[in-house]
Structures are given as C-alpha cells and as structure tokens.
C-alpha atoms as a PDB file:
ATOM      1  CA  MET A   1      -0.055  -0.080  -0.475  1.00  0.00           C
ATOM      2  CA  SER A   2       1.877   3.474  -1.367  1.00  0.00           C
ATOM      3  CA  ALA A   3       1.417   6.736   0.572  1.00  0.00           C
ATOM      4  CA  ARG A   4      -1.455   8.855  -0.672  1.00  0.00           C
ATOM      5  CA  ARG A   5       0.859  12.032  -2.790  1.00  0.00           C
ATOM      6  CA  ALA A   6       0.185  15.565  -1.694  1.00  0.00           C
ATOM      7  CA  PRO A   7      -1.473  17.074  -4.232  1.00  0.00           C
ATOM      8  CA  GLU A   8      -0.136  20.194  -6.674  1.00  0.00           C
ATOM      9  CA  VAL A   9      -1.699  22.519  -4.892  1.00  0.00           C
ATOM     10  CA  GLN A  10      -0.907  26.708  -5.514  1.00  0.00           C
ATOM     11  CA  LEU A  11      -0.695  29.644  -3.997  1.00  0.00           C
ATOM     12  CA  GLU A  12      -1.692  32.763  -5.377  1.00  0.00           C
ATOM     13  CA  SER A  13      -1.426  36.223  -2.848  1.00  0.00           C
ATOM     14  CA  LEU A  14      -4.940  37.915  -2.557  1.00  0.00           C
ATOM     15  CA  GLU A  15      -5.821  41.505  -4.867  1.00  0.00           C
ATOM     16  CA  PRO A  16      -6.984  44.033  -2.486  1.00  0.00           C
ATOM     17  CA  GLY A  17     -10.960  43.972  -3.066  1.00  0.00           C
ATOM     18  CA  ASP A  18     -11.583  41.639  -5.026  1.00  0.00           C
ATOM     19  CA  GLU A  19     -14.972  40.372  -5.100  1.00  0.00           C
ATOM     20  CA  GLU A  20     -15.100  36.748  -5.572  1.00  0.00           C
ATOM     21  CA  PHE A  21     -13.353  36.837  -2.165  1.00  0.00           C
ATOM     22  CA  HIS A  22     -15.139  38.827  -0.377  1.00  0.00           C
ATOM     23  CA  ARG A  23     -18.779  36.233  -1.472  1.00  0.00           C
ATOM     24  CA  THR A  24     -15.904  33.551  -0.440  1.00  0.00           C
ATOM     25  CA  MET A  25     -16.269  34.607   3.370  1.00  0.00           C
ATOM     26  CA  TRP A  26     -19.876  35.097   3.474  1.00  0.00           C
ATOM     27  CA  ARG A  27     -19.620  31.120   2.208  1.00  0.00           C
ATOM     28  CA  TYR A  28     -17.084  30.780   4.981  1.00  0.00           C
ATOM     29  CA  TRP A  29     -18.861  32.638   7.627  1.00  0.00           C
ATOM     30  CA  ARG A  30     -21.990  30.423   6.683  1.00  0.00           C
ATOM     31  CA  GLU A  31     -20.641  27.070   7.123  1.00  0.00           C
ATOM     32  CA  LEU A  32     -18.867  27.512  10.415  1.00  0.00           C
ATOM     33  CA  GLY A  33     -23.009  29.214  11.065  1.00  0.00           C
ATOM     34  CA  VAL A  34     -21.365  32.842  12.168  1.00  0.00           C
ATOM     35  CA  ASP A  35     -24.321  35.546  11.070  1.00  0.00           C
ATOM     36  CA  PRO A  36     -21.875  39.040  11.437  1.00  0.00           C
ATOM     37  CA  ASN A  37     -23.266  41.876  12.096  1.00  0.00           C
ATOM     38  CA  PRO A  38     -22.921  43.689   8.221  1.00  0.00           C
ATOM     39  CA  LEU A  39     -21.356  46.940   9.297  1.00  0.00           C
ATOM     40  CA  TRP A  40     -18.283  44.407  11.154  1.00  0.00           C
ATOM     41  CA  ALA A  41     -18.647  42.959   8.317  1.00  0.00           C
ATOM     42  CA  SER A  42     -17.637  45.573   5.409  1.00  0.00           C
ATOM     43  CA  ARG A  43     -15.597  46.437   8.188  1.00  0.00           C
ATOM     44  CA  TYR A  44     -13.759  43.506   8.526  1.00  0.00           C
ATOM     45  CA  LEU A  45     -12.849  42.818   4.779  1.00  0.00           C
ATOM     46  CA  SER A  46     -12.079  46.649   3.997  1.00  0.00           C
ATOM     47  CA  ARG A  47      -9.325  45.637   6.624  1.00  0.00           C
ATOM     48  CA  ILE A  48      -8.091  42.262   5.318  1.00  0.00           C
ATOM     49  CA  ASP A  49      -7.872  44.768   2.180  1.00  0.00           C
ATOM     50  CA  ASP A  50      -6.273  48.003   3.447  1.00  0.00           C
ATOM     51  CA  GLU A  51      -3.578  45.497   5.026  1.00  0.00           C
ATOM     52  CA  GLN A  52      -2.797  43.265   2.756  1.00  0.00           C
ATOM     53  CA  GLY A  53       0.690  42.155   2.164  1.00  0.00           C
ATOM     54  CA  ILE A  54       1.902  44.869   4.806  1.00  0.00           C
ATOM     55  CA  ASP A  55       1.815  42.478   7.871  1.00  0.00           C
ATOM     56  CA  ARG A  56      -2.044  40.031   6.919  1.00  0.00           C
ATOM     57  CA  PHE A  57      -1.161  37.869   3.922  1.00  0.00           C
ATOM     58  CA  THR A  58      -3.981  36.635   2.331  1.00  0.00           C
ATOM     59  CA  PHE A  59      -3.801  33.363  -0.213  1.00  0.00           C
ATOM     60  CA  TRP A  60      -6.027  32.202  -2.672  1.00  0.00           C
ATOM     61  CA  ALA A  61      -5.145  28.140  -3.297  1.00  0.00           C
ATOM     62  CA  SER A  62      -5.653  26.047  -6.022  1.00  0.00           C
ATOM     63  CA  THR A  63      -5.759  22.810  -8.099  1.00  0.00           C
ATOM     64  CA  GLY A  64      -4.650  23.784 -11.652  1.00  0.00           C
ATOM     65  CA  SER A  65      -6.446  25.619 -12.493  1.00  0.00           C
ATOM     66  CA  GLU A  66      -9.843  25.178 -10.207  1.00  0.00           C
ATOM     67  CA  ARG A  67      -9.909  27.375  -7.149  1.00  0.00           C
ATOM     68  CA  CYS A  68      -9.877  25.269  -3.229  1.00  0.00           C
ATOM     69  CA  GLY A  69      -9.634  27.499  -0.853  1.00  0.00           C
ATOM     70  CA  PHE A  70      -8.479  30.176   1.398  1.00  0.00           C
ATOM     71  CA  ALA A  71      -5.554  31.014   3.956  1.00  0.00           C
ATOM     72  CA  MET A  72      -4.822  34.480   5.606  1.00  0.00           C
ATOM     73  CA  VAL A  73      -1.686  35.014   7.488  1.00  0.00           C
ATOM     74  CA  ARG A  74      -0.632  38.140   9.975  1.00  0.00           C
ATOM     75  CA  LEU A  75       2.223  38.921  11.651  1.00  0.00           C
ATOM     76  CA  GLN A  76       2.909  40.862  14.537  1.00  0.00           C
ATOM     77  CA  PRO A  77       4.267  41.228  17.917  1.00  0.00           C
ATOM     78  CA  ASP A  78       4.917  39.113  20.699  1.00  0.00           C
ATOM     79  CA  TRP A  79       2.080  41.003  23.189  1.00  0.00           C
ATOM     80  CA  LEU A  80       4.564  40.021  25.772  1.00  0.00           C
ATOM     81  CA  LEU A  81       8.654  40.506  24.031  1.00  0.00           C
ATOM     82  CA  PRO A  82       7.279  42.717  20.854  1.00  0.00           C
ATOM     83  CA  GLU A  83      10.713  41.600  19.797  1.00  0.00           C
ATOM     84  CA  ARG A  84       9.636  38.526  18.034  1.00  0.00           C
ATOM     85  CA  THR A  85       6.865  37.947  15.676  1.00  0.00           C
ATOM     86  CA  VAL A  86       4.258  35.278  15.841  1.00  0.00           C
ATOM     87  CA  GLY A  87       2.380  34.124  13.637  1.00  0.00           C
ATOM     88  CA  TYR A  88      -0.731  33.692  13.131  1.00  0.00           C
ATOM     89  CA  ILE A  89      -3.383  31.488  10.657  1.00  0.00           C
ATOM     90  CA  ALA A  90      -6.892  34.657  10.590  1.00  0.00           C
ATOM     91  CA  GLU A  91      -8.819  32.483   8.086  1.00  0.00           C
ATOM     92  CA  PHE A  92      -8.530  29.205   6.781  1.00  0.00           C
ATOM     93  CA  TYR A  93     -11.308  27.643   4.456  1.00  0.00           C
ATOM     94  CA  VAL A  94     -11.052  24.564   2.233  1.00  0.00           C
ATOM     95  CA  PHE A  95     -14.010  24.479  -0.210  1.00  0.00           C
ATOM     96  CA  PRO A  96     -16.025  21.072   0.876  1.00  0.00           C
ATOM     97  CA  SER A  97     -15.289  19.911  -3.149  1.00  0.00           C
ATOM     98  CA  HIS A  98     -12.084  19.803  -2.466  1.00  0.00           C
ATOM     99  CA  ARG A  99     -12.235  18.776   1.831  1.00  0.00           C
ATOM    100  CA  ARG A 100     -10.064  15.319   2.332  1.00  0.00           C
ATOM    101  CA  ARG A 101      -7.281  15.495  -0.213  1.00  0.00           C
ATOM    102  CA  GLY A 102      -4.563  16.616   1.262  1.00  0.00           C
ATOM    103  CA  VAL A 103      -5.537  20.386   0.279  1.00  0.00           C
ATOM    104  CA  GLY A 104      -6.183  21.116   3.274  1.00  0.00           C
ATOM    105  CA  ARG A 105      -2.592  20.107   5.584  1.00  0.00           C
ATOM    106  CA  VAL A 106      -0.680  21.434   2.214  1.00  0.00           C
ATOM    107  CA  MET A 107      -1.954  24.924   2.600  1.00  0.00           C
ATOM    108  CA  ALA A 108      -1.288  23.815   6.505  1.00  0.00           C
ATOM    109  CA  GLU A 109       1.883  23.656   5.436  1.00  0.00           C
ATOM    110  CA  ARG A 110       2.629  26.775   3.556  1.00  0.00           C
ATOM    111  CA  MET A 111       1.061  29.088   5.234  1.00  0.00           C
ATOM    112  CA  ILE A 112       3.285  28.122   8.576  1.00  0.00           C
ATOM    113  CA  ALA A 113       6.898  27.492   6.568  1.00  0.00           C
ATOM    114  CA  PHE A 114       5.395  31.387   4.657  1.00  0.00           C
ATOM    115  CA  ALA A 115       4.971  32.335   8.623  1.00  0.00           C
ATOM    116  CA  ARG A 116       8.243  31.532   9.293  1.00  0.00           C
ATOM    117  CA  SER A 117      10.378  32.946   6.871  1.00  0.00           C
ATOM    118  CA  ARG A 118       8.852  36.541   7.556  1.00  0.00           C
ATOM    119  CA  GLY A 119      11.239  35.434  11.502  1.00  0.00           C
ATOM    120  CA  ALA A 120       7.404  34.451  13.316  1.00  0.00           C
ATOM    121  CA  GLU A 121       8.567  31.659  15.938  1.00  0.00           C
ATOM    122  CA  ASP A 122       5.673  30.364  16.533  1.00  0.00           C
ATOM    123  CA  VAL A 123       2.050  30.000  15.304  1.00  0.00           C
ATOM    124  CA  GLU A 124      -1.034  30.281  16.563  1.00  0.00           C
ATOM    125  CA  LEU A 125      -4.527  30.184  15.332  1.00  0.00           C
ATOM    126  CA  ASP A 126      -8.155  30.183  17.474  1.00  0.00           C
ATOM    127  CA  VAL A 127     -10.158  27.560  16.509  1.00  0.00           C
ATOM    128  CA  LEU A 128     -14.516  27.869  17.229  1.00  0.00           C
ATOM    129  CA  PRO A 129     -15.056  25.449  19.361  1.00  0.00           C
ATOM    130  CA  THR A 130     -18.283  24.071  17.055  1.00  0.00           C
ATOM    131  CA  ASN A 131     -15.610  22.970  15.205  1.00  0.00           C
ATOM    132  CA  ARG A 132     -14.478  19.626  15.871  1.00  0.00           C
ATOM    133  CA  ARG A 133     -13.101  18.552  12.472  1.00  0.00           C
ATOM    134  CA  GLY A 134     -11.197  21.942  12.590  1.00  0.00           C
ATOM    135  CA  MET A 135      -9.627  21.732  15.957  1.00  0.00           C
ATOM    136  CA  GLN A 136      -8.466  17.191  14.792  1.00  0.00           C
ATOM    137  CA  PHE A 137      -7.335  18.486  12.042  1.00  0.00           C
ATOM    138  CA  TRP A 138      -4.326  21.266  13.468  1.00  0.00           C
ATOM    139  CA  GLN A 139      -4.225  18.736  15.958  1.00  0.00           C
ATOM    140  CA  ALA A 140      -2.799  15.962  13.392  1.00  0.00           C
ATOM    141  CA  LEU A 141      -1.079  18.662  12.689  1.00  0.00           C
ATOM    142  CA  GLY A 142       1.092  19.688  15.967  1.00  0.00           C
ATOM    143  CA  PHE A 143      -0.519  22.302  17.430  1.00  0.00           C
ATOM    144  CA  THR A 144      -1.571  22.320  20.681  1.00  0.00           C
ATOM    145  CA  LEU A 145      -4.684  23.730  22.516  1.00  0.00           C
ATOM    146  CA  SER A 146      -3.133  26.148  24.547  1.00  0.00           C
ATOM    147  CA  HIS A 147      -5.902  28.256  26.316  1.00  0.00           C
ATOM    148  CA  HIS A 148      -9.938  28.775  25.827  1.00  0.00           C
ATOM    149  CA  HIS A 149     -10.635  32.530  24.805  1.00  0.00           C
ATOM    150  CA  MET A 150     -14.150  32.879  26.081  1.00  0.00           C
ATOM    151  CA  ARG A 151     -16.964  36.251  25.456  1.00  0.00           C
ATOM    152  CA  TYR A 152     -19.108  37.734  26.786  1.00  0.00           C
ATOM    153  CA  ALA A 153     -21.945  38.167  24.693  1.00  0.00           C
ATOM    154  CA  ARG A 154     -24.721  40.056  27.168  1.00  0.00           C
END
C-alpha cells in the first residue's frame, strides 16, 4: 500500500478588493454558523484589503485552474516580547469539494512555512469550539490547545 501523494496546490496572493473573495468569506461564515453584523463584516473585509501584503497575507489556493480555498496569515509582535514575531493563521478555508484530499494539509504547511520565512518563531490560530473536525485537523499537524478564549455576550 503506497502513501497518498500530496496534491499540487498553488497559492496566489489576494488582490485587494477581490469581490469573489468577499463573497467567499460570507459563504465561509455561513458554513461556520456565524452571522456577522453587516457593518462589522464590511469593515473587516476592508481591513483585509488595506493590510494585504503589509502584516496580513491572504492567498487563494488552487489545484490546477480550480480554486479550492483560501488562507490568511498575520504577522504580529508578541504582546509580551515585542521583539519576537508571531504568525497567526487568521482565516483558513478549504472548499467542501476539496476536503479530505490533502489540500488543507498542504495549505497549512505552506502558511506555517510562509510565517516562519518572515521571522515568526511561533504560529498560532483559533478554532471555534463547535468545529471538531477543524480541531482534529490542526492537532494532527502538531498544534496543541493552549487556552480557551471566552467572550461575554450579554
């Protein structure tokens, strides 16, 4: 039995103002069960556009000529040791039609390598507590649970 070969995944830097990306973010949020306030969503998408290539790096992923997802890495100073850079995988989405094929693993490995190539000593991310498959995916890549982030919502 031979090991499954990793798919060829190309990454293309997102162009600010990409309307397809904005529509895809809404699809992503709906799939996660998140219903963002339209004003918040508009400002968040504008911020992604404004910070692209500065400290936020968003990439379309594709296999051949077909897009299969996107990933975003932020580079930021560590809050306690600002001379250290931390990579943060801020958004990560594999289209449902491309899941369970190794695409996500390749995308994640490339995002980690990208952050490290830009000086990140650590790479962090958040996973919604309802996203069990996401938690298992990231743990299989070597991430460990470091804390629970809670929000007061009254």
